[in-house]
Each structure stands twice: as C-alpha cells, then as structure tokens.
Amino acid sequence: ILLLVPATDWWGGVLALCLLAAFSVAVAVSLDQGRAPTCHCFGRIAPAKVGAPLLVRNVALAVPALLIVIAG
C-alpha cells in the first residue's frame, strides 16, 4: 500500500528492501546449515523445498524497490 501512494512510496521501497533482505538472510542461513524446509511459496498447491531459486526471486523483487529508493 505504501508503494501506491506517492507521498509514502520511498518509505514503502525502504520497507520492502528491509523485509526482502531479512527474509533472504534467513533463507540463506538455513540453506548454509543444510536445512531446506518446505513451503507453499506464492500459493503453491504442493509444498516445495526452499532453495536458490527463492533467493533469485527475492533479488528480482528487490530491484524495483531499490529503484524506488534510489529515485527518491
């Protein structure tokens, strides 16, 4: 919602980056420790193992948020 309102879009970008970074770090630490939990990411019907594609997707989602933050 913050990204949709021009007066708060910068804060929305910052918050989106922070949330994506925290989630990505948690996933990376889990994978580094040899754990790959299952999840229903993005409404999957069947659970799938968390892995590198999730981190790639998070980077792809972070790019627009970063552009918003840079643009001010």
PDB file of N, CA and C in Angstrom:
ATOM      1  N   ILE A   1       0.831  -1.186   0.000  1.00  0.00           N
ATOM      2  CA  ILE A   1       0.000   0.000   0.000  1.00  0.00           C
ATOM      3  C   ILE A   1       0.878   1.253   0.000  1.00  0.00           C
ATOM      4  N   LEU A   2       1.984   1.204   0.755  1.00  0.00           N
ATOM      5  CA  LEU A   2       2.873   2.366   0.796  1.00  0.00           C
ATOM      6  C   LEU A   2       3.444   2.687  -0.588  1.00  0.00           C
ATOM      7  N   LEU A   3       3.668   1.662  -1.403  1.00  0.00           N
ATOM      8  CA  LEU A   3       4.236   1.885  -2.735  1.00  0.00           C
ATOM      9  C   LEU A   3       3.238   2.536  -3.691  1.00  0.00           C
ATOM     10  N   LEU A   4       1.959   2.478  -3.386  1.00  0.00           N
ATOM     11  CA  LEU A   4       0.943   3.030  -4.270  1.00  0.00           C
ATOM     12  C   LEU A   4       0.682   4.513  -4.043  1.00  0.00           C
ATOM     13  N   VAL A   5       1.060   5.017  -2.885  1.00  0.00           N
ATOM     14  CA  VAL A   5       0.803   6.419  -2.548  1.00  0.00           C
ATOM     15  C   VAL A   5       2.086   7.217  -2.768  1.00  0.00           C
ATOM     16  N   PRO A   6       2.068   8.222  -3.650  1.00  0.00           N
ATOM     17  CA  PRO A   6       3.292   8.971  -3.948  1.00  0.00           C
ATOM     18  C   PRO A   6       3.975   9.578  -2.723  1.00  0.00           C
ATOM     19  N   ALA A   7       3.207   9.967  -1.733  1.00  0.00           N
ATOM     20  CA  ALA A   7       3.807  10.602  -0.557  1.00  0.00           C
ATOM     21  C   ALA A   7       4.584   9.597   0.311  1.00  0.00           C
ATOM     22  N   THR A   8       4.285   8.309   0.170  1.00  0.00           N
ATOM     23  CA  THR A   8       4.935   7.300   1.014  1.00  0.00           C
ATOM     24  C   THR A   8       5.685   6.236   0.219  1.00  0.00           C
ATOM     25  N   ASP A   9       5.818   6.433  -1.090  1.00  0.00           N
ATOM     26  CA  ASP A   9       6.436   5.380  -1.900  1.00  0.00           C
ATOM     27  C   ASP A   9       7.899   5.126  -1.540  1.00  0.00           C
ATOM     28  N   TRP A  10       8.639   6.168  -1.122  1.00  0.00           N
ATOM     29  CA  TRP A  10      10.038   5.965  -0.742  1.00  0.00           C
ATOM     30  C   TRP A  10      10.111   5.078   0.492  1.00  0.00           C
ATOM     31  N   TRP A  11       9.269   5.358   1.482  1.00  0.00           N
ATOM     32  CA  TRP A  11       9.252   4.523   2.691  1.00  0.00           C
ATOM     33  C   TRP A  11       8.807   3.097   2.370  1.00  0.00           C
ATOM     34  N   GLY A  12       7.901   2.949   1.442  1.00  0.00           N
ATOM     35  CA  GLY A  12       7.479   1.623   1.011  1.00  0.00           C
ATOM     36  C   GLY A  12       8.622   0.852   0.373  1.00  0.00           C
ATOM     37  N   GLY A  13       9.420   1.546  -0.445  1.00  0.00           N
ATOM     38  CA  GLY A  13      10.592   0.906  -1.054  1.00  0.00           C
ATOM     39  C   GLY A  13      11.610   0.487  -0.012  1.00  0.00           C
ATOM     40  N   VAL A  14      11.852   1.351   0.964  1.00  0.00           N
ATOM     41  CA  VAL A  14      12.801   1.029   2.030  1.00  0.00           C
ATOM     42  C   VAL A  14      12.300  -0.171   2.829  1.00  0.00           C
ATOM     43  N   LEU A  15      11.025  -0.158   3.180  1.00  0.00           N
ATOM     44  CA  LEU A  15      10.455  -1.260   3.951  1.00  0.00           C
ATOM     45  C   LEU A  15      10.488  -2.564   3.160  1.00  0.00           C
ATOM     46  N   ALA A  16      10.163  -2.499   1.873  1.00  0.00           N
ATOM     47  CA  ALA A  16      10.208  -3.695   1.026  1.00  0.00           C
ATOM     48  C   ALA A  16      11.626  -4.256   0.962  1.00  0.00           C
ATOM     49  N   LEU A  17      12.609  -3.384   0.811  1.00  0.00           N
ATOM     50  CA  LEU A  17      14.004  -3.840   0.789  1.00  0.00           C
ATOM     51  C   LEU A  17      14.399  -4.492   2.107  1.00  0.00           C
ATOM     52  N   CYS A  18      14.012  -3.886   3.211  1.00  0.00           N
ATOM     53  CA  CYS A  18      14.354  -4.442   4.528  1.00  0.00           C
ATOM     54  C   CYS A  18      13.711  -5.808   4.742  1.00  0.00           C
ATOM     55  N   LEU A  19      12.444  -5.940   4.381  1.00  0.00           N
ATOM     56  CA  LEU A  19      11.761  -7.223   4.549  1.00  0.00           C
ATOM     57  C   LEU A  19      12.363  -8.300   3.647  1.00  0.00           C
ATOM     58  N   LEU A  20      12.636  -7.949   2.401  1.00  0.00           N
ATOM     59  CA  LEU A  20      13.243  -8.915   1.489  1.00  0.00           C
ATOM     60  C   LEU A  20      14.642  -9.315   1.948  1.00  0.00           C
ATOM     61  N   ALA A  21      15.407  -8.349   2.456  1.00  0.00           N
ATOM     62  CA  ALA A  21      16.758  -8.649   2.942  1.00  0.00           C
ATOM     63  C   ALA A  21      16.696  -9.575   4.149  1.00  0.00           C
ATOM     64  N   ALA A  22      15.813  -9.288   5.092  1.00  0.00           N
ATOM     65  CA  ALA A  22      15.699 -10.133   6.287  1.00  0.00           C
ATOM     66  C   ALA A  22      15.275 -11.546   5.916  1.00  0.00           C
ATOM     67  N   PHE A  23      14.301 -11.667   5.037  1.00  0.00           N
ATOM     68  CA  PHE A  23      13.832 -12.979   4.616  1.00  0.00           C
ATOM     69  C   PHE A  23      14.925 -13.728   3.854  1.00  0.00           C
ATOM     70  N   SER A  24      15.638 -13.028   2.986  1.00  0.00           N
ATOM     71  CA  SER A  24      16.698 -13.662   2.200  1.00  0.00           C
ATOM     72  C   SER A  24      17.847 -14.136   3.090  1.00  0.00           C
ATOM     73  N   VAL A  25      18.201 -13.328   4.077  1.00  0.00           N
ATOM     74  CA  VAL A  25      19.261 -13.733   5.004  1.00  0.00           C
ATOM     75  C   VAL A  25      18.834 -14.979   5.774  1.00  0.00           C
ATOM     76  N   ALA A  26      17.596 -15.014   6.238  1.00  0.00           N
ATOM     77  CA  ALA A  26      17.107 -16.183   6.966  1.00  0.00           C
ATOM     78  C   ALA A  26      17.139 -17.434   6.090  1.00  0.00           C
ATOM     79  N   VAL A  27      16.740 -17.301   4.841  1.00  0.00           N
ATOM     80  CA  VAL A  27      16.764 -18.441   3.920  1.00  0.00           C
ATOM     81  C   VAL A  27      18.208 -18.868   3.648  1.00  0.00           C
ATOM     82  N   ALA A  28      19.097 -17.907   3.407  1.00  0.00           N
ATOM     83  CA  ALA A  28      20.495 -18.230   3.122  1.00  0.00           C
ATOM     84  C   ALA A  28      21.158 -18.928   4.309  1.00  0.00           C
ATOM     85  N   VAL A  29      20.882 -18.466   5.509  1.00  0.00           N
ATOM     86  CA  VAL A  29      21.450 -19.106   6.706  1.00  0.00           C
ATOM     87  C   VAL A  29      20.915 -20.530   6.829  1.00  0.00           C
ATOM     88  N   SER A  30      19.635 -20.700   6.607  1.00  0.00           N
ATOM     89  CA  SER A  30      19.036 -22.033   6.676  1.00  0.00           C
ATOM     90  C   SER A  30      19.662 -22.967   5.652  1.00  0.00           C
ATOM     91  N   LEU A  31      19.828 -22.498   4.423  1.00  0.00           N
ATOM     92  CA  LEU A  31      20.441 -23.327   3.378  1.00  0.00           C
ATOM     93  C   LEU A  31      21.900 -23.621   3.699  1.00  0.00           C
ATOM     94  N   ASP A  32      22.610 -22.645   4.265  1.00  0.00           N
ATOM     95  CA  ASP A  32      24.008 -22.836   4.626  1.00  0.00           C
ATOM     96  C   ASP A  32      24.168 -23.900   5.706  1.00  0.00           C
ATOM     97  N   GLN A  33      23.179 -24.023   6.561  1.00  0.00           N
ATOM     98  CA  GLN A  33      23.218 -25.011   7.631  1.00  0.00           C
ATOM     99  C   GLN A  33      22.699 -26.367   7.171  1.00  0.00           C
ATOM    100  N   GLY A  34      22.416 -26.472   5.888  1.00  0.00           N
ATOM    101  CA  GLY A  34      21.993 -27.755   5.332  1.00  0.00           C
ATOM    102  C   GLY A  34      20.507 -28.036   5.470  1.00  0.00           C
ATOM    103  N   ARG A  35      19.763 -27.065   5.887  1.00  0.00           N
ATOM    104  CA  ARG A  35      18.317 -27.246   6.010  1.00  0.00           C
ATOM    105  C   ARG A  35      17.628 -26.668   4.791  1.00  0.00           C
ATOM    106  N   ALA A  36      16.639 -27.363   4.295  1.00  0.00           N
ATOM    107  CA  ALA A  36      15.846 -26.876   3.166  1.00  0.00           C
ATOM    108  C   ALA A  36      14.380 -27.155   3.479  1.00  0.00           C
ATOM    109  N   PRO A  37      13.766 -26.316   4.308  1.00  0.00           N
ATOM    110  CA  PRO A  37      12.368 -26.560   4.679  1.00  0.00           C
ATOM    111  C   PRO A  37      11.444 -26.446   3.475  1.00  0.00           C
ATOM    112  N   THR A  38      10.292 -27.043   3.599  1.00  0.00           N
ATOM    113  CA  THR A  38       9.296 -26.937   2.539  1.00  0.00           C
ATOM    114  C   THR A  38       8.385 -25.749   2.832  1.00  0.00           C
ATOM    115  N   CYS A  39       7.860 -25.189   1.778  1.00  0.00           N
ATOM    116  CA  CYS A  39       6.924 -24.078   1.950  1.00  0.00           C
ATOM    117  C   CYS A  39       5.913 -24.088   0.811  1.00  0.00           C
ATOM    118  N   HIS A  40       4.856 -23.349   1.003  1.00  0.00           N
ATOM    119  CA  HIS A  40       3.835 -23.155  -0.027  1.00  0.00           C
ATOM    120  C   HIS A  40       4.010 -21.750  -0.591  1.00  0.00           C
ATOM    121  N   CYS A  41       5.217 -21.457  -1.049  1.00  0.00           N
ATOM    122  CA  CYS A  41       5.551 -20.117  -1.521  1.00  0.00           C
ATOM    123  C   CYS A  41       4.636 -19.692  -2.667  1.00  0.00           C
ATOM    124  N   PHE A  42       4.113 -18.477  -2.568  1.00  0.00           N
ATOM    125  CA  PHE A  42       3.249 -17.882  -3.578  1.00  0.00           C
ATOM    126  C   PHE A  42       2.049 -18.763  -3.910  1.00  0.00           C
ATOM    127  N   GLY A  43       1.501 -19.405  -2.887  1.00  0.00           N
ATOM    128  CA  GLY A  43       0.261 -20.146  -3.049  1.00  0.00           C
ATOM    129  C   GLY A  43       0.374 -21.457  -3.788  1.00  0.00           C
ATOM    130  N   ARG A  44       1.544 -22.047  -3.777  1.00  0.00           N
ATOM    131  CA  ARG A  44       1.678 -23.349  -4.428  1.00  0.00           C
ATOM    132  C   ARG A  44       0.705 -24.347  -3.811  1.00  0.00           C
ATOM    133  N   ILE A  45       0.188 -25.215  -4.630  1.00  0.00           N
ATOM    134  CA  ILE A  45      -0.730 -26.236  -4.132  1.00  0.00           C
ATOM    135  C   ILE A  45       0.069 -27.311  -3.392  1.00  0.00           C
ATOM    136  N   ALA A  46       1.186 -27.711  -3.946  1.00  0.00           N
ATOM    137  CA  ALA A  46       2.032 -28.710  -3.305  1.00  0.00           C
ATOM    138  C   ALA A  46       3.268 -28.013  -2.729  1.00  0.00           C
ATOM    139  N   PRO A  47       3.704 -28.440  -1.553  1.00  0.00           N
ATOM    140  CA  PRO A  47       4.889 -27.812  -0.969  1.00  0.00           C
ATOM    141  C   PRO A  47       6.143 -28.112  -1.781  1.00  0.00           C
ATOM    142  N   ALA A  48       7.079 -27.177  -1.770  1.00  0.00           N
ATOM    143  CA  ALA A  48       8.349 -27.356  -2.466  1.00  0.00           C
ATOM    144  C   ALA A  48       9.471 -26.985  -1.506  1.00  0.00           C
ATOM    145  N   LYS A  49      10.649 -27.526  -1.747  1.00  0.00           N
ATOM    146  CA  LYS A  49      11.811 -27.215  -0.921  1.00  0.00           C
ATOM    147  C   LYS A  49      12.288 -25.792  -1.203  1.00  0.00           C
ATOM    148  N   VAL A  50      12.675 -25.102  -0.146  1.00  0.00           N
ATOM    149  CA  VAL A  50      13.261 -23.773  -0.279  1.00  0.00           C
ATOM    150  C   VAL A  50      14.668 -23.954  -0.831  1.00  0.00           C
ATOM    151  N   GLY A  51      15.058 -23.117  -1.785  1.00  0.00           N
ATOM    152  CA  GLY A  51      16.378 -23.246  -2.375  1.00  0.00           C
ATOM    153  C   GLY A  51      16.842 -21.960  -3.025  1.00  0.00           C
ATOM    154  N   ALA A  52      17.853 -22.091  -3.842  1.00  0.00           N
ATOM    155  CA  ALA A  52      18.450 -20.939  -4.519  1.00  0.00           C
ATOM    156  C   ALA A  52      17.449 -20.175  -5.389  1.00  0.00           C
ATOM    157  N   PRO A  53      16.498 -20.828  -6.057  1.00  0.00           N
ATOM    158  CA  PRO A  53      15.540 -20.055  -6.852  1.00  0.00           C
ATOM    159  C   PRO A  53      14.750 -19.031  -6.015  1.00  0.00           C
ATOM    160  N   LEU A  54      14.517 -19.350  -4.761  1.00  0.00           N
ATOM    161  CA  LEU A  54      13.832 -18.398  -3.891  1.00  0.00           C
ATOM    162  C   LEU A  54      14.683 -17.148  -3.685  1.00  0.00           C
ATOM    163  N   LEU A  55      15.978 -17.335  -3.508  1.00  0.00           N
ATOM    164  CA  LEU A  55      16.873 -16.191  -3.338  1.00  0.00           C
ATOM    165  C   LEU A  55      16.958 -15.362  -4.617  1.00  0.00           C
ATOM    166  N   VAL A  56      16.973 -16.027  -5.754  1.00  0.00           N
ATOM    167  CA  VAL A  56      16.997 -15.316  -7.042  1.00  0.00           C
ATOM    168  C   VAL A  56      15.720 -14.501  -7.207  1.00  0.00           C
ATOM    169  N   ARG A  57      14.591 -15.094  -6.855  1.00  0.00           N
ATOM    170  CA  ARG A  57      13.318 -14.371  -6.947  1.00  0.00           C
ATOM    171  C   ARG A  57      13.316 -13.153  -6.023  1.00  0.00           C
ATOM    172  N   ASN A  58      13.878 -13.301  -4.820  1.00  0.00           N
ATOM    173  CA  ASN A  58      13.930 -12.173  -3.895  1.00  0.00           C
ATOM    174  C   ASN A  58      14.785 -11.035  -4.437  1.00  0.00           C
ATOM    175  N   VAL A  59      15.873 -11.373  -5.110  1.00  0.00           N
ATOM    176  CA  VAL A  59      16.707 -10.337  -5.721  1.00  0.00           C
ATOM    177  C   VAL A  59      15.917  -9.638  -6.825  1.00  0.00           C
ATOM    178  N   ALA A  60      15.191 -10.418  -7.619  1.00  0.00           N
ATOM    179  CA  ALA A  60      14.385  -9.827  -8.687  1.00  0.00           C
ATOM    180  C   ALA A  60      13.297  -8.913  -8.118  1.00  0.00           C
ATOM    181  N   LEU A  61      12.734  -9.271  -6.983  1.00  0.00           N
ATOM    182  CA  LEU A  61      11.724  -8.425  -6.351  1.00  0.00           C
ATOM    183  C   LEU A  61      12.345  -7.189  -5.697  1.00  0.00           C
ATOM    184  N   ALA A  62      13.603  -7.304  -5.291  1.00  0.00           N
ATOM    185  CA  ALA A  62      14.268  -6.181  -4.633  1.00  0.00           C
ATOM    186  C   ALA A  62      14.684  -5.094  -5.620  1.00  0.00           C
ATOM    187  N   VAL A  63      14.888  -5.448  -6.864  1.00  0.00           N
ATOM    188  CA  VAL A  63      15.348  -4.467  -7.853  1.00  0.00           C
ATOM    189  C   VAL A  63      14.369  -3.305  -8.005  1.00  0.00           C
ATOM    190  N   PRO A  64      13.055  -3.540  -8.203  1.00  0.00           N
ATOM    191  CA  PRO A  64      12.151  -2.385  -8.309  1.00  0.00           C
ATOM    192  C   PRO A  64      12.115  -1.555  -7.014  1.00  0.00           C
ATOM    193  N   ALA A  65      12.168  -2.222  -5.873  1.00  0.00           N
ATOM    194  CA  ALA A  65      12.173  -1.487  -4.609  1.00  0.00           C
ATOM    195  C   ALA A  65      13.431  -0.619  -4.501  1.00  0.00           C
ATOM    196  N   LEU A  66      14.562  -1.157  -4.927  1.00  0.00           N
ATOM    197  CA  LEU A  66      15.803  -0.397  -4.903  1.00  0.00           C
ATOM    198  C   LEU A  66      15.730   0.807  -5.842  1.00  0.00           C
ATOM    199  N   LEU A  67      15.124   0.623  -7.007  1.00  0.00           N
ATOM    200  CA  LEU A  67      14.965   1.734  -7.945  1.00  0.00           C
ATOM    201  C   LEU A  67      14.102   2.840  -7.351  1.00  0.00           C
ATOM    202  N   ILE A  68      13.080   2.464  -6.622  1.00  0.00           N
ATOM    203  CA  ILE A  68      12.218   3.462  -5.970  1.00  0.00           C
ATOM    204  C   ILE A  68      13.005   4.226  -4.917  1.00  0.00           C
ATOM    205  N   VAL A  69      13.810   3.511  -4.142  1.00  0.00           N
ATOM    206  CA  VAL A  69      14.600   4.153  -3.095  1.00  0.00           C
ATOM    207  C   VAL A  69      15.638   5.100  -3.704  1.00  0.00           C
ATOM    208  N   ILE A  70      16.281   4.653  -4.760  1.00  0.00           N
ATOM    209  CA  ILE A  70      17.316   5.489  -5.412  1.00  0.00           C
ATOM    210  C   ILE A  70      16.679   6.736  -6.031  1.00  0.00           C
ATOM    211  N   ALA A  71      15.528   6.557  -6.655  1.00  0.00           N
ATOM    212  CA  ALA A  71      14.857   7.693  -7.301  1.00  0.00           C
ATOM    213  C   ALA A  71      14.383   8.729  -6.295  1.00  0.00           C
ATOM    214  N   GLY A  72      14.208   8.284  -5.054  1.00  0.00           N
ATOM    215  CA  GLY A  72      13.787   9.227  -4.004  1.00  0.00           C
ATOM    216  C   GLY A  72      12.333   9.514  -4.102  1.00  0.00           C
TER     217      GLY A  72
END
